[in-house]
Amino acid sequence: MKKIIFTEKAPAPIGPYNQAVLINDTLYTSGQIALHPETMELILDDIETETKQVMENMKAVLEAADMTFDNVIKTTIFIMNMGDFARINSVYGSYFDEKTAPARETVQVACLPKNVNVEISMIAVK
């Protein structure tokens, strides 16, 4: 059965979707961007700060489903500029144990919601 996951510790959806959906033991998250959950303001100081906000938003969604980054089995990273990959990867990697890190793809795109530089979605399993 489908269970909708919502937390006020992550940005409220800005469209017709939910922060995450849990089916049995599998969590499918929507993409997170660098919106601050309390103010809904974008945090775009630099790519590291932006990526950290995205990961903190994702952490809040995982916690709302009683999970952590250890439960993540797959991530997708959408970026505007592949030249930012190393800096994004450095912040992203700090949230995972490299030996048990999830599968991942990183894709450069033409545009992201609200013209942000990075968006990340995840699949996690209990």
PDB file of N, CA and C in Angstrom:
ATOM      1  N   MET A   1       0.832  -1.185   0.000  1.00  0.00           N
ATOM      2  CA  MET A   1       0.000   0.000   0.000  1.00  0.00           C
ATOM      3  C   MET A   1       0.878   1.251   0.000  1.00  0.00           C
ATOM      4  N   LYS A   2       0.462   2.237  -0.707  1.00  0.00           N
ATOM      5  CA  LYS A   2       1.202   3.484  -0.861  1.00  0.00           C
ATOM      6  C   LYS A   2       1.006   4.382   0.353  1.00  0.00           C
ATOM      7  N   LYS A   3       2.130   4.866   0.913  1.00  0.00           N
ATOM      8  CA  LYS A   3       2.077   5.805   2.036  1.00  0.00           C
ATOM      9  C   LYS A   3       2.817   7.078   1.622  1.00  0.00           C
ATOM     10  N   ILE A   4       2.169   8.205   1.772  1.00  0.00           N
ATOM     11  CA  ILE A   4       2.773   9.493   1.450  1.00  0.00           C
ATOM     12  C   ILE A   4       3.642   9.936   2.622  1.00  0.00           C
ATOM     13  N   ILE A   5       4.863  10.348   2.316  1.00  0.00           N
ATOM     14  CA  ILE A   5       5.795  10.847   3.328  1.00  0.00           C
ATOM     15  C   ILE A   5       5.859  12.363   3.214  1.00  0.00           C
ATOM     16  N   PHE A   6       5.672  13.027   4.358  1.00  0.00           N
ATOM     17  CA  PHE A   6       5.758  14.488   4.402  1.00  0.00           C
ATOM     18  C   PHE A   6       6.413  14.911   5.706  1.00  0.00           C
ATOM     19  N   THR A   7       7.287  15.900   5.608  1.00  0.00           N
ATOM     20  CA  THR A   7       7.885  16.515   6.787  1.00  0.00           C
ATOM     21  C   THR A   7       7.987  18.013   6.576  1.00  0.00           C
ATOM     22  N   GLU A   8       7.766  18.761   7.640  1.00  0.00           N
ATOM     23  CA  GLU A   8       7.954  20.209   7.575  1.00  0.00           C
ATOM     24  C   GLU A   8       9.428  20.581   7.621  1.00  0.00           C
ATOM     25  N   LYS A   9      10.310  19.597   7.851  1.00  0.00           N
ATOM     26  CA  LYS A   9      11.753  19.843   7.900  1.00  0.00           C
ATOM     27  C   LYS A   9      12.380  19.851   6.511  1.00  0.00           C
ATOM     28  N   ALA A  10      11.563  19.625   5.498  1.00  0.00           N
ATOM     29  CA  ALA A  10      11.988  19.728   4.099  1.00  0.00           C
ATOM     30  C   ALA A  10      10.995  20.653   3.394  1.00  0.00           C
ATOM     31  N   PRO A  11      11.390  21.239   2.272  1.00  0.00           N
ATOM     32  CA  PRO A  11      10.486  22.154   1.583  1.00  0.00           C
ATOM     33  C   PRO A  11       9.179  21.477   1.176  1.00  0.00           C
ATOM     34  N   ALA A  12       8.101  22.204   1.319  1.00  0.00           N
ATOM     35  CA  ALA A  12       6.812  21.716   0.844  1.00  0.00           C
ATOM     36  C   ALA A  12       6.859  21.620  -0.680  1.00  0.00           C
ATOM     37  N   PRO A  13       6.171  20.654  -1.250  1.00  0.00           N
ATOM     38  CA  PRO A  13       6.147  20.544  -2.711  1.00  0.00           C
ATOM     39  C   PRO A  13       5.654  21.833  -3.364  1.00  0.00           C
ATOM     40  N   ILE A  14       6.219  22.147  -4.512  1.00  0.00           N
ATOM     41  CA  ILE A  14       5.819  23.356  -5.244  1.00  0.00           C
ATOM     42  C   ILE A  14       4.999  22.990  -6.477  1.00  0.00           C
ATOM     43  N   GLY A  15       4.408  21.816  -6.457  1.00  0.00           N
ATOM     44  CA  GLY A  15       3.584  21.344  -7.567  1.00  0.00           C
ATOM     45  C   GLY A  15       2.781  20.136  -7.133  1.00  0.00           C
ATOM     46  N   PRO A  16       2.151  19.457  -8.081  1.00  0.00           N
ATOM     47  CA  PRO A  16       1.297  18.313  -7.765  1.00  0.00           C
ATOM     48  C   PRO A  16       2.103  17.021  -7.561  1.00  0.00           C
ATOM     49  N   TYR A  17       2.871  16.984  -6.485  1.00  0.00           N
ATOM     50  CA  TYR A  17       3.669  15.813  -6.139  1.00  0.00           C
ATOM     51  C   TYR A  17       3.894  15.814  -4.630  1.00  0.00           C
ATOM     52  N   ASN A  18       4.460  14.735  -4.111  1.00  0.00           N
ATOM     53  CA  ASN A  18       4.772  14.619  -2.688  1.00  0.00           C
ATOM     54  C   ASN A  18       6.274  14.539  -2.496  1.00  0.00           C
ATOM     55  N   GLN A  19       6.725  14.805  -1.270  1.00  0.00           N
ATOM     56  CA  GLN A  19       8.155  14.729  -0.977  1.00  0.00           C
ATOM     57  C   GLN A  19       8.678  13.326  -1.218  1.00  0.00           C
ATOM     58  N   ALA A  20       7.874  12.315  -0.855  1.00  0.00           N
ATOM     59  CA  ALA A  20       8.275  10.928  -1.076  1.00  0.00           C
ATOM     60  C   ALA A  20       7.060  10.024  -0.959  1.00  0.00           C
ATOM     61  N   VAL A  21       7.204   8.844  -1.530  1.00  0.00           N
ATOM     62  CA  VAL A  21       6.170   7.814  -1.447  1.00  0.00           C
ATOM     63  C   VAL A  21       6.847   6.526  -0.994  1.00  0.00           C
ATOM     64  N   LEU A  22       6.258   5.904   0.032  1.00  0.00           N
ATOM     65  CA  LEU A  22       6.764   4.636   0.549  1.00  0.00           C
ATOM     66  C   LEU A  22       5.831   3.529   0.089  1.00  0.00           C
ATOM     67  N   ILE A  23       6.398   2.528  -0.571  1.00  0.00           N
ATOM     68  CA  ILE A  23       5.635   1.348  -0.988  1.00  0.00           C
ATOM     69  C   ILE A  23       6.334   0.147  -0.376  1.00  0.00           C
ATOM     70  N   ASN A  24       5.631  -0.552   0.512  1.00  0.00           N
ATOM     71  CA  ASN A  24       6.234  -1.646   1.276  1.00  0.00           C
ATOM     72  C   ASN A  24       7.465  -1.101   1.993  1.00  0.00           C
ATOM     73  N   ASP A  25       8.643  -1.578   1.679  1.00  0.00           N
ATOM     74  CA  ASP A  25       9.863  -1.106   2.339  1.00  0.00           C
ATOM     75  C   ASP A  25      10.706  -0.200   1.447  1.00  0.00           C
ATOM     76  N   THR A  26      10.160   0.236   0.311  1.00  0.00           N
ATOM     77  CA  THR A  26      10.918   1.042  -0.644  1.00  0.00           C
ATOM     78  C   THR A  26      10.397   2.474  -0.672  1.00  0.00           C
ATOM     79  N   LEU A  27      11.323   3.409  -0.525  1.00  0.00           N
ATOM     80  CA  LEU A  27      11.003   4.837  -0.537  1.00  0.00           C
ATOM     81  C   LEU A  27      11.473   5.456  -1.845  1.00  0.00           C
ATOM     82  N   TYR A  28      10.581   6.162  -2.510  1.00  0.00           N
ATOM     83  CA  TYR A  28      10.897   6.893  -3.734  1.00  0.00           C
ATOM     84  C   TYR A  28      10.750   8.372  -3.414  1.00  0.00           C
ATOM     85  N   THR A  29      11.848   9.107  -3.469  1.00  0.00           N
ATOM     86  CA  THR A  29      11.769  10.533  -3.163  1.00  0.00           C
ATOM     87  C   THR A  29      11.598  11.348  -4.432  1.00  0.00           C
ATOM     88  N   SER A  30      10.952  12.475  -4.284  1.00  0.00           N
ATOM     89  CA  SER A  30      10.952  13.467  -5.355  1.00  0.00           C
ATOM     90  C   SER A  30      12.294  14.173  -5.327  1.00  0.00           C
ATOM     91  N   GLY A  31      12.631  14.830  -6.401  1.00  0.00           N
ATOM     92  CA  GLY A  31      13.866  15.597  -6.419  1.00  0.00           C
ATOM     93  C   GLY A  31      13.806  16.743  -5.430  1.00  0.00           C
ATOM     94  N   GLN A  32      14.920  16.976  -4.780  1.00  0.00           N
ATOM     95  CA  GLN A  32      15.027  18.107  -3.861  1.00  0.00           C
ATOM     96  C   GLN A  32      15.961  19.143  -4.473  1.00  0.00           C
ATOM     97  N   ILE A  33      15.587  20.396  -4.308  1.00  0.00           N
ATOM     98  CA  ILE A  33      16.444  21.511  -4.693  1.00  0.00           C
ATOM     99  C   ILE A  33      16.766  22.287  -3.421  1.00  0.00           C
ATOM    100  N   ALA A  34      17.540  23.339  -3.546  1.00  0.00           N
ATOM    101  CA  ALA A  34      18.066  24.060  -2.380  1.00  0.00           C
ATOM    102  C   ALA A  34      17.097  25.099  -1.819  1.00  0.00           C
ATOM    103  N   LEU A  35      15.864  24.680  -1.594  1.00  0.00           N
ATOM    104  CA  LEU A  35      14.906  25.543  -0.908  1.00  0.00           C
ATOM    105  C   LEU A  35      15.055  25.344   0.593  1.00  0.00           C
ATOM    106  N   HIS A  36      15.139  26.446   1.325  1.00  0.00           N
ATOM    107  CA  HIS A  36      15.173  26.351   2.778  1.00  0.00           C
ATOM    108  C   HIS A  36      13.755  26.018   3.243  1.00  0.00           C
ATOM    109  N   PRO A  37      13.570  24.957   4.049  1.00  0.00           N
ATOM    110  CA  PRO A  37      12.216  24.518   4.384  1.00  0.00           C
ATOM    111  C   PRO A  37      11.374  25.519   5.165  1.00  0.00           C
ATOM    112  N   GLU A  38      11.993  26.374   5.960  1.00  0.00           N
ATOM    113  CA  GLU A  38      11.219  27.329   6.763  1.00  0.00           C
ATOM    114  C   GLU A  38      10.833  28.573   5.977  1.00  0.00           C
ATOM    115  N   THR A  39      11.731  29.047   5.131  1.00  0.00           N
ATOM    116  CA  THR A  39      11.479  30.297   4.411  1.00  0.00           C
ATOM    117  C   THR A  39      11.065  30.083   2.957  1.00  0.00           C
ATOM    118  N   MET A  40      11.325  28.868   2.437  1.00  0.00           N
ATOM    119  CA  MET A  40      11.109  28.547   1.020  1.00  0.00           C
ATOM    120  C   MET A  40      11.920  29.465   0.109  1.00  0.00           C
ATOM    121  N   GLU A  41      13.011  30.005   0.664  1.00  0.00           N
ATOM    122  CA  GLU A  41      13.956  30.803  -0.126  1.00  0.00           C
ATOM    123  C   GLU A  41      15.036  29.877  -0.664  1.00  0.00           C
ATOM    124  N   LEU A  42      15.506  30.173  -1.867  1.00  0.00           N
ATOM    125  CA  LEU A  42      16.592  29.389  -2.451  1.00  0.00           C
ATOM    126  C   LEU A  42      17.922  29.738  -1.788  1.00  0.00           C
ATOM    127  N   ILE A  43      18.737  28.735  -1.532  1.00  0.00           N
ATOM    128  CA  ILE A  43      20.072  28.904  -0.972  1.00  0.00           C
ATOM    129  C   ILE A  43      21.062  28.657  -2.113  1.00  0.00           C
ATOM    130  N   LEU A  44      21.514  29.731  -2.731  1.00  0.00           N
ATOM    131  CA  LEU A  44      22.343  29.620  -3.933  1.00  0.00           C
ATOM    132  C   LEU A  44      23.669  30.370  -3.790  1.00  0.00           C
ATOM    133  N   ASP A  45      24.201  30.459  -2.573  1.00  0.00           N
ATOM    134  CA  ASP A  45      25.434  31.217  -2.334  1.00  0.00           C
ATOM    135  C   ASP A  45      26.577  30.718  -3.207  1.00  0.00           C
ATOM    136  N   ASP A  46      26.788  29.413  -3.232  1.00  0.00           N
ATOM    137  CA  ASP A  46      27.785  28.768  -4.079  1.00  0.00           C
ATOM    138  C   ASP A  46      27.338  27.323  -4.254  1.00  0.00           C
ATOM    139  N   ILE A  47      27.969  26.580  -5.140  1.00  0.00           N
ATOM    140  CA  ILE A  47      27.499  25.231  -5.451  1.00  0.00           C
ATOM    141  C   ILE A  47      27.618  24.289  -4.259  1.00  0.00           C
ATOM    142  N   GLU A  48      28.611  24.487  -3.400  1.00  0.00           N
ATOM    143  CA  GLU A  48      28.743  23.632  -2.211  1.00  0.00           C
ATOM    144  C   GLU A  48      27.597  23.881  -1.231  1.00  0.00           C
ATOM    145  N   THR A  49      27.293  25.141  -0.969  1.00  0.00           N
ATOM    146  CA  THR A  49      26.201  25.493  -0.054  1.00  0.00           C
ATOM    147  C   THR A  49      24.870  25.025  -0.624  1.00  0.00           C
ATOM    148  N   GLU A  50      24.691  25.187  -1.913  1.00  0.00           N
ATOM    149  CA  GLU A  50      23.462  24.746  -2.570  1.00  0.00           C
ATOM    150  C   GLU A  50      23.305  23.222  -2.448  1.00  0.00           C
ATOM    151  N   THR A  51      24.375  22.493  -2.720  1.00  0.00           N
ATOM    152  CA  THR A  51      24.331  21.031  -2.629  1.00  0.00           C
ATOM    153  C   THR A  51      24.079  20.579  -1.198  1.00  0.00           C
ATOM    154  N   LYS A  52      24.694  21.258  -0.241  1.00  0.00           N
ATOM    155  CA  LYS A  52      24.471  20.897   1.172  1.00  0.00           C
ATOM    156  C   LYS A  52      23.006  21.072   1.542  1.00  0.00           C
ATOM    157  N   GLN A  53      22.367  22.146   1.095  1.00  0.00           N
ATOM    158  CA  GLN A  53      20.945  22.358   1.392  1.00  0.00           C
ATOM    159  C   GLN A  53      20.106  21.251   0.769  1.00  0.00           C
ATOM    160  N   VAL A  54      20.425  20.864  -0.451  1.00  0.00           N
ATOM    161  CA  VAL A  54      19.709  19.770  -1.111  1.00  0.00           C
ATOM    162  C   VAL A  54      19.838  18.493  -0.277  1.00  0.00           C
ATOM    163  N   MET A  55      21.048  18.179   0.161  1.00  0.00           N
ATOM    164  CA  MET A  55      21.276  16.956   0.932  1.00  0.00           C
ATOM    165  C   MET A  55      20.609  17.020   2.301  1.00  0.00           C
ATOM    166  N   GLU A  56      20.576  18.181   2.933  1.00  0.00           N
ATOM    167  CA  GLU A  56      19.894  18.325   4.217  1.00  0.00           C
ATOM    168  C   GLU A  56      18.377  18.155   4.036  1.00  0.00           C
ATOM    169  N   ASN A  57      17.847  18.667   2.927  1.00  0.00           N
ATOM    170  CA  ASN A  57      16.429  18.460   2.628  1.00  0.00           C
ATOM    171  C   ASN A  57      16.152  16.969   2.448  1.00  0.00           C
ATOM    172  N   MET A  58      17.036  16.304   1.726  1.00  0.00           N
ATOM    173  CA  MET A  58      16.860  14.872   1.498  1.00  0.00           C
ATOM    174  C   MET A  58      16.981  14.096   2.806  1.00  0.00           C
ATOM    175  N   LYS A  59      17.896  14.504   3.660  1.00  0.00           N
ATOM    176  CA  LYS A  59      18.059  13.865   4.973  1.00  0.00           C
ATOM    177  C   LYS A  59      16.755  13.945   5.761  1.00  0.00           C
ATOM    178  N   ALA A  60      16.102  15.091   5.731  1.00  0.00           N
ATOM    179  CA  ALA A  60      14.839  15.277   6.453  1.00  0.00           C
ATOM    180  C   ALA A  60      13.746  14.358   5.906  1.00  0.00           C
ATOM    181  N   VAL A  61      13.697  14.205   4.596  1.00  0.00           N
ATOM    182  CA  VAL A  61      12.702  13.317   3.985  1.00  0.00           C
ATOM    183  C   VAL A  61      12.982  11.869   4.380  1.00  0.00           C
ATOM    184  N   LEU A  62      14.243  11.463   4.322  1.00  0.00           N
ATOM    185  CA  LEU A  62      14.604  10.100   4.734  1.00  0.00           C
ATOM    186  C   LEU A  62      14.214   9.861   6.193  1.00  0.00           C
ATOM    187  N   GLU A  63      14.530  10.820   7.061  1.00  0.00           N
ATOM    188  CA  GLU A  63      14.202  10.676   8.482  1.00  0.00           C
ATOM    189  C   GLU A  63      12.693  10.572   8.708  1.00  0.00           C
ATOM    190  N   ALA A  64      11.911  11.286   7.908  1.00  0.00           N
ATOM    191  CA  ALA A  64      10.454  11.214   8.031  1.00  0.00           C
ATOM    192  C   ALA A  64       9.930   9.824   7.703  1.00  0.00           C
ATOM    193  N   ALA A  65      10.708   9.070   6.939  1.00  0.00           N
ATOM    194  CA  ALA A  65      10.346   7.691   6.592  1.00  0.00           C
ATOM    195  C   ALA A  65      11.101   6.692   7.467  1.00  0.00           C
ATOM    196  N   ASP A  66      11.702   7.186   8.568  1.00  0.00           N
ATOM    197  CA  ASP A  66      12.498   6.347   9.476  1.00  0.00           C
ATOM    198  C   ASP A  66      13.666   5.675   8.766  1.00  0.00           C
ATOM    199  N   MET A  67      14.340   6.455   7.908  1.00  0.00           N
ATOM    200  CA  MET A  67      15.501   5.957   7.179  1.00  0.00           C
ATOM    201  C   MET A  67      16.647   6.953   7.307  1.00  0.00           C
ATOM    202  N   THR A  68      17.820   6.516   6.855  1.00  0.00           N
ATOM    203  CA  THR A  68      19.004   7.364   6.804  1.00  0.00           C
ATOM    204  C   THR A  68      19.655   7.191   5.432  1.00  0.00           C
ATOM    205  N   PHE A  69      20.762   7.864   5.228  1.00  0.00           N
ATOM    206  CA  PHE A  69      21.488   7.704   3.969  1.00  0.00           C
ATOM    207  C   PHE A  69      22.010   6.278   3.799  1.00  0.00           C
ATOM    208  N   ASP A  70      22.143   5.530   4.889  1.00  0.00           N
ATOM    209  CA  ASP A  70      22.545   4.125   4.799  1.00  0.00           C
ATOM    210  C   ASP A  70      21.513   3.279   4.066  1.00  0.00           C
ATOM    211  N   ASN A  71      20.259   3.726   4.044  1.00  0.00           N
ATOM    212  CA  ASN A  71      19.192   2.989   3.365  1.00  0.00           C
ATOM    213  C   ASN A  71      19.119   3.282   1.871  1.00  0.00           C
ATOM    214  N   VAL A  72      19.830   4.305   1.415  1.00  0.00           N
ATOM    215  CA  VAL A  72      19.732   4.728   0.013  1.00  0.00           C
ATOM    216  C   VAL A  72      20.444   3.723  -0.886  1.00  0.00           C
ATOM    217  N   ILE A  73      19.728   3.266  -1.922  1.00  0.00           N
ATOM    218  CA  ILE A  73      20.314   2.306  -2.855  1.00  0.00           C
ATOM    219  C   ILE A  73      20.581   2.915  -4.228  1.00  0.00           C
ATOM    220  N   LYS A  74      19.938   4.058  -4.539  1.00  0.00           N
ATOM    221  CA  LYS A  74      20.095   4.665  -5.860  1.00  0.00           C
ATOM    222  C   LYS A  74      19.836   6.154  -5.771  1.00  0.00           C
ATOM    223  N   THR A  75      20.674   6.936  -6.399  1.00  0.00           N
ATOM    224  CA  THR A  75      20.437   8.376  -6.482  1.00  0.00           C
ATOM    225  C   THR A  75      20.539   8.829  -7.937  1.00  0.00           C
ATOM    226  N   THR A  76      19.873   9.921  -8.198  1.00  0.00           N
ATOM    227  CA  THR A  76      20.005  10.594  -9.489  1.00  0.00           C
ATOM    228  C   THR A  76      20.327  12.050  -9.193  1.00  0.00           C
ATOM    229  N   ILE A  77      21.382  12.533  -9.815  1.00  0.00           N
ATOM    230  CA  ILE A  77      21.787  13.932  -9.648  1.00  0.00           C
ATOM    231  C   ILE A  77      21.654  14.624 -10.999  1.00  0.00           C
ATOM    232  N   PHE A  78      20.886  15.691 -11.004  1.00  0.00           N
ATOM    233  CA  PHE A  78      20.737  16.525 -12.200  1.00  0.00           C
ATOM    234  C   PHE A  78      21.514  17.808 -11.949  1.00  0.00           C
ATOM    235  N   ILE A  79      22.403  18.166 -12.863  1.00  0.00           N
ATOM    236  CA  ILE A  79      23.189  19.385 -12.687  1.00  0.00           C
ATOM    237  C   ILE A  79      23.147  20.233 -13.955  1.00  0.00           C
ATOM    238  N   MET A  80      23.268  21.527 -13.750  1.00  0.00           N
ATOM    239  CA  MET A  80      23.255  22.456 -14.876  1.00  0.00           C
ATOM    240  C   MET A  80      24.598  22.511 -15.593  1.00  0.00           C
ATOM    241  N   ASN A  81      25.681  22.301 -14.836  1.00  0.00           N
ATOM    242  CA  ASN A  81      27.018  22.484 -15.401  1.00  0.00           C
ATOM    243  C   ASN A  81      27.920  21.340 -14.947  1.00  0.00           C
ATOM    244  N   MET A  82      28.323  20.495 -15.865  1.00  0.00           N
ATOM    245  CA  MET A  82      29.189  19.365 -15.514  1.00  0.00           C
ATOM    246  C   MET A  82      30.515  19.853 -14.933  1.00  0.00           C
ATOM    247  N   GLY A  83      30.864  21.095 -15.162  1.00  0.00           N
ATOM    248  CA  GLY A  83      32.061  21.683 -14.562  1.00  0.00           C
ATOM    249  C   GLY A  83      31.957  21.774 -13.041  1.00  0.00           C
ATOM    250  N   ASP A  84      30.741  21.715 -12.489  1.00  0.00           N
ATOM    251  CA  ASP A  84      30.526  21.743 -11.040  1.00  0.00           C
ATOM    252  C   ASP A  84      30.552  20.349 -10.416  1.00  0.00           C
ATOM    253  N   PHE A  85      30.715  19.318 -11.241  1.00  0.00           N
ATOM    254  CA  PHE A  85      30.590  17.941 -10.767  1.00  0.00           C
ATOM    255  C   PHE A  85      31.479  17.640  -9.563  1.00  0.00           C
ATOM    256  N   ALA A  86      32.742  17.980  -9.614  1.00  0.00           N
ATOM    257  CA  ALA A  86      33.672  17.643  -8.525  1.00  0.00           C
ATOM    258  C   ALA A  86      33.251  18.308  -7.216  1.00  0.00           C
ATOM    259  N   ARG A  87      32.814  19.550  -7.285  1.00  0.00           N
ATOM    260  CA  ARG A  87      32.408  20.262  -6.069  1.00  0.00           C
ATOM    261  C   ARG A  87      31.102  19.703  -5.507  1.00  0.00           C
ATOM    262  N   ILE A  88      30.164  19.376  -6.377  1.00  0.00           N
ATOM    263  CA  ILE A  88      28.909  18.738  -5.948  1.00  0.00           C
ATOM    264  C   ILE A  88      29.219  17.372  -5.345  1.00  0.00           C
ATOM    265  N   ASN A  89      30.055  16.611  -6.034  1.00  0.00           N
ATOM    266  CA  ASN A  89      30.404  15.262  -5.602  1.00  0.00           C
ATOM    267  C   ASN A  89      31.069  15.256  -4.231  1.00  0.00           C
ATOM    268  N   SER A  90      31.874  16.259  -3.947  1.00  0.00           N
ATOM    269  CA  SER A  90      32.549  16.350  -2.655  1.00  0.00           C
ATOM    270  C   SER A  90      31.538  16.488  -1.516  1.00  0.00           C
ATOM    271  N   VAL A  91      30.567  17.357  -1.687  1.00  0.00           N
ATOM    272  CA  VAL A  91      29.533  17.548  -0.659  1.00  0.00           C
ATOM    273  C   VAL A  91      28.649  16.307  -0.588  1.00  0.00           C
ATOM    274  N   TYR A  92      28.166  15.846  -1.711  1.00  0.00           N
ATOM    275  CA  TYR A  92      27.316  14.651  -1.777  1.00  0.00           C
ATOM    276  C   TYR A  92      28.014  13.469  -1.098  1.00  0.00           C
ATOM    277  N   GLY A  93      29.260  13.254  -1.428  1.00  0.00           N
ATOM    278  CA  GLY A  93      30.004  12.120  -0.895  1.00  0.00           C
ATOM    279  C   GLY A  93      30.177  12.151   0.608  1.00  0.00           C
ATOM    280  N   SER A  94      30.139  13.335   1.202  1.00  0.00           N
ATOM    281  CA  SER A  94      30.311  13.445   2.653  1.00  0.00           C
ATOM    282  C   SER A  94      29.124  12.859   3.424  1.00  0.00           C
ATOM    283  N   TYR A  95      28.026  12.595   2.743  1.00  0.00           N
ATOM    284  CA  TYR A  95      26.834  12.032   3.386  1.00  0.00           C
ATOM    285  C   TYR A  95      26.797  10.501   3.321  1.00  0.00           C
ATOM    286  N   PHE A  96      27.744   9.902   2.616  1.00  0.00           N
ATOM    287  CA  PHE A  96      27.749   8.453   2.431  1.00  0.00           C
ATOM    288  C   PHE A  96      29.090   7.856   2.838  1.00  0.00           C
ATOM    289  N   ASP A  97      29.047   6.587   3.223  1.00  0.00           N
ATOM    290  CA  ASP A  97      30.256   5.794   3.395  1.00  0.00           C
ATOM    291  C   ASP A  97      30.625   5.292   2.002  1.00  0.00           C
ATOM    292  N   GLU A  98      31.812   5.624   1.536  1.00  0.00           N
ATOM    293  CA  GLU A  98      32.194   5.287   0.166  1.00  0.00           C
ATOM    294  C   GLU A  98      32.090   3.786  -0.112  1.00  0.00           C
ATOM    295  N   LYS A  99      32.344   2.951   0.876  1.00  0.00           N
ATOM    296  CA  LYS A  99      32.309   1.496   0.677  1.00  0.00           C
ATOM    297  C   LYS A  99      30.896   0.974   0.452  1.00  0.00           C
ATOM    298  N   THR A 100      29.905   1.695   0.963  1.00  0.00           N
ATOM    299  CA  THR A 100      28.512   1.235   0.825  1.00  0.00           C
ATOM    300  C   THR A 100      27.638   2.272   0.122  1.00  0.00           C
ATOM    301  N   ALA A 101      28.264   3.179  -0.599  1.00  0.00           N
ATOM    302  CA  ALA A 101      27.523   4.235  -1.301  1.00  0.00           C
ATOM    303  C   ALA A 101      26.548   3.625  -2.311  1.00  0.00           C
ATOM    304  N   PRO A 102      25.448   4.339  -2.581  1.00  0.00           N
ATOM    305  CA  PRO A 102      24.450   3.814  -3.517  1.00  0.00           C
ATOM    306  C   PRO A 102      24.915   3.879  -4.973  1.00  0.00           C
ATOM    307  N   ALA A 103      24.184   3.196  -5.821  1.00  0.00           N
ATOM    308  CA  ALA A 103      24.349   3.375  -7.262  1.00  0.00           C
ATOM    309  C   ALA A 103      23.897   4.798  -7.595  1.00  0.00           C
ATOM    310  N   ARG A 104      24.408   5.336  -8.716  1.00  0.00           N
ATOM    311  CA  ARG A 104      24.089   6.736  -9.016  1.00  0.00           C
ATOM    312  C   ARG A 104      24.317   7.030 -10.484  1.00  0.00           C
ATOM    313  N   GLU A 105      23.549   7.984 -10.983  1.00  0.00           N
ATOM    314  CA  GLU A 105      23.877   8.611 -12.257  1.00  0.00           C
ATOM    315  C   GLU A 105      23.838  10.107 -12.060  1.00  0.00           C
ATOM    316  N   THR A 106      24.660  10.794 -12.822  1.00  0.00           N
ATOM    317  CA  THR A 106      24.690  12.254 -12.795  1.00  0.00           C
ATOM    318  C   THR A 106      24.495  12.719 -14.228  1.00  0.00           C
ATOM    319  N   VAL A 107      23.519  13.602 -14.411  1.00  0.00           N
ATOM    320  CA  VAL A 107      23.138  14.027 -15.741  1.00  0.00           C
ATOM    321  C   VAL A 107      23.158  15.546 -15.818  1.00  0.00           C
ATOM    322  N   GLN A 108      23.811  16.076 -16.856  1.00  0.00           N
ATOM    323  CA  GLN A 108      23.742  17.515 -17.095  1.00  0.00           C
ATOM    324  C   GLN A 108      22.465  17.790 -17.880  1.00  0.00           C
ATOM    325  N   VAL A 109      21.727  18.818 -17.422  1.00  0.00           N
ATOM    326  CA  VAL A 109      20.452  19.165 -18.045  1.00  0.00           C
ATOM    327  C   VAL A 109      20.468  20.621 -18.501  1.00  0.00           C
ATOM    328  N   ALA A 110      19.508  20.981 -19.319  1.00  0.00           N
ATOM    329  CA  ALA A 110      19.445  22.341 -19.843  1.00  0.00           C
ATOM    330  C   ALA A 110      18.870  23.330 -18.838  1.00  0.00           C
ATOM    331  N   CYS A 111      17.951  22.858 -17.990  1.00  0.00           N
ATOM    332  CA  CYS A 111      17.314  23.751 -17.031  1.00  0.00           C
ATOM    333  C   CYS A 111      16.704  22.920 -15.909  1.00  0.00           C
ATOM    334  N   LEU A 112      16.675  23.484 -14.709  1.00  0.00           N
ATOM    335  CA  LEU A 112      16.068  22.839 -13.548  1.00  0.00           C
ATOM    336  C   LEU A 112      15.029  23.778 -12.938  1.00  0.00           C
ATOM    337  N   PRO A 113      14.122  23.247 -12.102  1.00  0.00           N
ATOM    338  CA  PRO A 113      13.115  24.115 -11.490  1.00  0.00           C
ATOM    339  C   PRO A 113      13.742  25.311 -10.774  1.00  0.00           C
ATOM    340  N   LYS A 114      13.119  26.445 -10.939  1.00  0.00           N
ATOM    341  CA  LYS A 114      13.556  27.697 -10.311  1.00  0.00           C
ATOM    342  C   LYS A 114      14.993  28.069 -10.694  1.00  0.00           C
ATOM    343  N   ASN A 115      15.473  27.518 -11.794  1.00  0.00           N
ATOM    344  CA  ASN A 115      16.814  27.808 -12.324  1.00  0.00           C
ATOM    345  C   ASN A 115      17.933  27.486 -11.338  1.00  0.00           C
ATOM    346  N   VAL A 116      17.741  26.429 -10.521  1.00  0.00           N
ATOM    347  CA  VAL A 116      18.792  26.004  -9.594  1.00  0.00           C
ATOM    348  C   VAL A 116      19.895  25.287 -10.364  1.00  0.00           C
ATOM    349  N   ASN A 117      20.979  24.978  -9.669  1.00  0.00           N
ATOM    350  CA  ASN A 117      22.129  24.335 -10.303  1.00  0.00           C
ATOM    351  C   ASN A 117      22.196  22.834 -10.079  1.00  0.00           C
ATOM    352  N   VAL A 118      21.455  22.330  -9.070  1.00  0.00           N
ATOM    353  CA  VAL A 118      21.506  20.899  -8.753  1.00  0.00           C
ATOM    354  C   VAL A 118      20.166  20.448  -8.164  1.00  0.00           C
ATOM    355  N   GLU A 119      19.752  19.243  -8.551  1.00  0.00           N
ATOM    356  CA  GLU A 119      18.571  18.590  -7.996  1.00  0.00           C
ATOM    357  C   GLU A 119      18.930  17.124  -7.806  1.00  0.00           C
ATOM    358  N   ILE A 120      18.511  16.544  -6.671  1.00  0.00           N
ATOM    359  CA  ILE A 120      18.846  15.162  -6.359  1.00  0.00           C
ATOM    360  C   ILE A 120      17.598  14.419  -5.922  1.00  0.00           C
ATOM    361  N   SER A 121      17.429  13.201  -6.441  1.00  0.00           N
ATOM    362  CA  SER A 121      16.372  12.307  -5.983  1.00  0.00           C
ATOM    363  C   SER A 121      17.007  10.994  -5.558  1.00  0.00           C
ATOM    364  N   MET A 122      16.262  10.217  -4.741  1.00  0.00           N
ATOM    365  CA  MET A 122      16.811   8.983  -4.193  1.00  0.00           C
ATOM    366  C   MET A 122      15.757   7.886  -4.116  1.00  0.00           C
ATOM    367  N   ILE A 123      16.256   6.657  -4.091  1.00  0.00           N
ATOM    368  CA  ILE A 123      15.446   5.481  -3.771  1.00  0.00           C
ATOM    369  C   ILE A 123      16.137   4.829  -2.582  1.00  0.00           C
ATOM    370  N   ALA A 124      15.348   4.499  -1.567  1.00  0.00           N
ATOM    371  CA  ALA A 124      15.910   3.895  -0.346  1.00  0.00           C
ATOM    372  C   ALA A 124      15.049   2.691   0.035  1.00  0.00           C
ATOM    373  N   VAL A 125      15.684   1.728   0.730  1.00  0.00           N
ATOM    374  CA  VAL A 125      14.987   0.507   1.143  1.00  0.00           C
ATOM    375  C   VAL A 125      15.305   0.241   2.609  1.00  0.00           C
ATOM    376  N   LYS A 126      14.259  -0.109   3.369  1.00  0.00           N
ATOM    377  CA  LYS A 126      14.453  -0.452   4.797  1.00  0.00           C
ATOM    378  C   LYS A 126      15.094  -1.816   4.902  1.00  0.00           C
TER     379      LYS A 126
END
